[in-house]
Amino acid sequence: MKAKTKQLEQRPAKTARLGNALYLIGCIVAAICIATGAITAIVMHNSGGDVAFAPIVGGVIAALGLISWLIGRVCRYILSGH
């Protein structure tokens, strides 16, 4: 436990800020992807076109948002230790 605390204290402040910034960017991209996925699914469903693929397309776009958030979270964990 003490070794991990000492290791976290030795991290430069710039590295921690970079990790937090990358996490914030990941969250913003995730929110945009999830909103775009939901809007795309709704528009495709209401347009009367190919209704069967509407949830799939929306889900794929939302999944890209989840992946973006996870990448940001991993960067934050590695760089800042949170």
C-alpha atoms as a PDB file:
ATOM      1  CA  MET A   1       0.000   0.000   0.000  1.00  0.00           C
ATOM      2  CA  LYS A   2       2.770   2.423   0.873  1.00  0.00           C
ATOM      3  CA  ALA A   3       4.592   1.657  -2.371  1.00  0.00           C
ATOM      4  CA  LYS A   4       1.539   2.582  -4.445  1.00  0.00           C
ATOM      5  CA  THR A   5       1.020   5.809  -2.496  1.00  0.00           C
ATOM      6  CA  LYS A   6       4.659   6.742  -3.014  1.00  0.00           C
ATOM      7  CA  GLN A   7       4.380   5.955  -6.706  1.00  0.00           C
ATOM      8  CA  LEU A   8       1.292   8.166  -7.076  1.00  0.00           C
ATOM      9  CA  GLU A   9       3.003  11.036  -5.295  1.00  0.00           C
ATOM     10  CA  GLN A  10       5.879  10.906  -7.771  1.00  0.00           C
ATOM     11  CA  ARG A  11       3.663  11.439 -10.822  1.00  0.00           C
ATOM     12  CA  PRO A  12       4.217  14.843 -12.408  1.00  0.00           C
ATOM     13  CA  ALA A  13       1.293  17.224 -12.220  1.00  0.00           C
ATOM     14  CA  LYS A  14       1.332  17.685 -16.001  1.00  0.00           C
ATOM     15  CA  THR A  15       0.807  13.968 -16.541  1.00  0.00           C
ATOM     16  CA  ALA A  16      -2.160  13.947 -14.174  1.00  0.00           C
ATOM     17  CA  ARG A  17      -3.688  16.959 -15.931  1.00  0.00           C
ATOM     18  CA  LEU A  18      -3.191  15.280 -19.307  1.00  0.00           C
ATOM     19  CA  GLY A  19      -4.982  12.169 -18.041  1.00  0.00           C
ATOM     20  CA  ASN A  20      -7.891  14.243 -16.771  1.00  0.00           C
ATOM     21  CA  ALA A  21      -8.062  16.216 -20.032  1.00  0.00           C
ATOM     22  CA  LEU A  22      -8.132  13.037 -22.125  1.00  0.00           C
ATOM     23  CA  TYR A  23     -10.875  11.659 -19.881  1.00  0.00           C
ATOM     24  CA  LEU A  24     -12.909  14.840 -20.344  1.00  0.00           C
ATOM     25  CA  ILE A  25     -12.476  14.657 -24.122  1.00  0.00           C
ATOM     26  CA  GLY A  26     -13.559  11.006 -24.034  1.00  0.00           C
ATOM     27  CA  CYS A  27     -16.671  11.956 -22.056  1.00  0.00           C
ATOM     28  CA  ILE A  28     -17.577  14.726 -24.494  1.00  0.00           C
ATOM     29  CA  VAL A  29     -17.126  12.463 -27.521  1.00  0.00           C
ATOM     30  CA  ALA A  30     -19.163   9.740 -25.778  1.00  0.00           C
ATOM     31  CA  ALA A  31     -22.029  12.146 -25.070  1.00  0.00           C
ATOM     32  CA  ILE A  32     -22.038  13.329 -28.682  1.00  0.00           C
ATOM     33  CA  CYS A  33     -22.007   9.744 -29.991  1.00  0.00           C
ATOM     34  CA  ILE A  34     -24.805   8.603 -27.690  1.00  0.00           C
ATOM     35  CA  ALA A  35     -26.976  11.604 -28.603  1.00  0.00           C
ATOM     36  CA  THR A  36     -26.236  11.111 -32.313  1.00  0.00           C
ATOM     37  CA  GLY A  37     -27.055   7.411 -32.047  1.00  0.00           C
ATOM     38  CA  ALA A  38     -30.370   8.095 -30.355  1.00  0.00           C
ATOM     39  CA  ILE A  39     -31.340  10.801 -32.834  1.00  0.00           C
ATOM     40  CA  THR A  40     -30.306   8.630 -35.787  1.00  0.00           C
ATOM     41  CA  ALA A  41     -32.367   5.698 -34.529  1.00  0.00           C
ATOM     42  CA  ILE A  42     -35.421   7.894 -33.969  1.00  0.00           C
ATOM     43  CA  VAL A  43     -35.143   9.611 -37.353  1.00  0.00           C
ATOM     44  CA  MET A  44     -34.610   6.320 -39.193  1.00  0.00           C
ATOM     45  CA  HIS A  45     -37.573   4.774 -37.401  1.00  0.00           C
ATOM     46  CA  ASN A  46     -39.892   7.705 -38.102  1.00  0.00           C
ATOM     47  CA  SER A  47     -38.831   8.200 -41.719  1.00  0.00           C
ATOM     48  CA  GLY A  48     -40.556   5.030 -42.842  1.00  0.00           C
ATOM     49  CA  GLY A  49     -37.428   3.756 -44.516  1.00  0.00           C
ATOM     50  CA  ASP A  50     -35.569   0.654 -43.395  1.00  0.00           C
ATOM     51  CA  VAL A  51     -36.997   0.453 -39.878  1.00  0.00           C
ATOM     52  CA  ALA A  52     -35.341  -2.874 -39.066  1.00  0.00           C
ATOM     53  CA  PHE A  53     -31.844  -1.368 -39.059  1.00  0.00           C
ATOM     54  CA  ALA A  54     -32.682   1.747 -37.018  1.00  0.00           C
ATOM     55  CA  PRO A  55     -31.854   0.231 -33.601  1.00  0.00           C
ATOM     56  CA  ILE A  56     -28.735  -1.428 -34.992  1.00  0.00           C
ATOM     57  CA  VAL A  57     -27.338   1.802 -36.456  1.00  0.00           C
ATOM     58  CA  GLY A  58     -28.206   3.754 -33.315  1.00  0.00           C
ATOM     59  CA  GLY A  59     -26.714   1.059 -31.134  1.00  0.00           C
ATOM     60  CA  VAL A  60     -23.462   0.942 -33.098  1.00  0.00           C
ATOM     61  CA  ILE A  61     -23.038   4.711 -32.858  1.00  0.00           C
ATOM     62  CA  ALA A  62     -23.809   4.607 -29.129  1.00  0.00           C
ATOM     63  CA  ALA A  63     -21.336   1.729 -28.692  1.00  0.00           C
ATOM     64  CA  LEU A  64     -18.656   3.895 -30.299  1.00  0.00           C
ATOM     65  CA  GLY A  65     -19.422   6.462 -27.619  1.00  0.00           C
ATOM     66  CA  LEU A  66     -18.987   3.840 -24.926  1.00  0.00           C
ATOM     67  CA  ILE A  67     -15.643   2.812 -26.406  1.00  0.00           C
ATOM     68  CA  SER A  68     -14.566   6.467 -26.479  1.00  0.00           C
ATOM     69  CA  TRP A  69     -15.475   6.861 -22.806  1.00  0.00           C
ATOM     70  CA  LEU A  70     -13.584   3.688 -21.887  1.00  0.00           C
ATOM     71  CA  ILE A  71     -10.463   4.857 -23.723  1.00  0.00           C
ATOM     72  CA  GLY A  72     -10.635   8.172 -21.863  1.00  0.00           C
ATOM     73  CA  ARG A  73     -11.103   6.348 -18.574  1.00  0.00           C
ATOM     74  CA  VAL A  74      -8.081   4.131 -19.231  1.00  0.00           C
ATOM     75  CA  CYS A  75      -5.955   7.161 -20.130  1.00  0.00           C
ATOM     76  CA  ARG A  76      -7.012   8.866 -16.906  1.00  0.00           C
ATOM     77  CA  TYR A  77      -6.223   5.786 -14.843  1.00  0.00           C
ATOM     78  CA  ILE A  78      -2.808   5.289 -16.410  1.00  0.00           C
ATOM     79  CA  LEU A  79      -1.716   8.913 -16.437  1.00  0.00           C
ATOM     80  CA  SER A  80      -3.206  10.275 -13.225  1.00  0.00           C
ATOM     81  CA  GLY A  81      -3.812   7.189 -11.117  1.00  0.00           C
ATOM     82  CA  HIS A  82      -7.528   7.818 -10.522  1.00  0.00           C
END
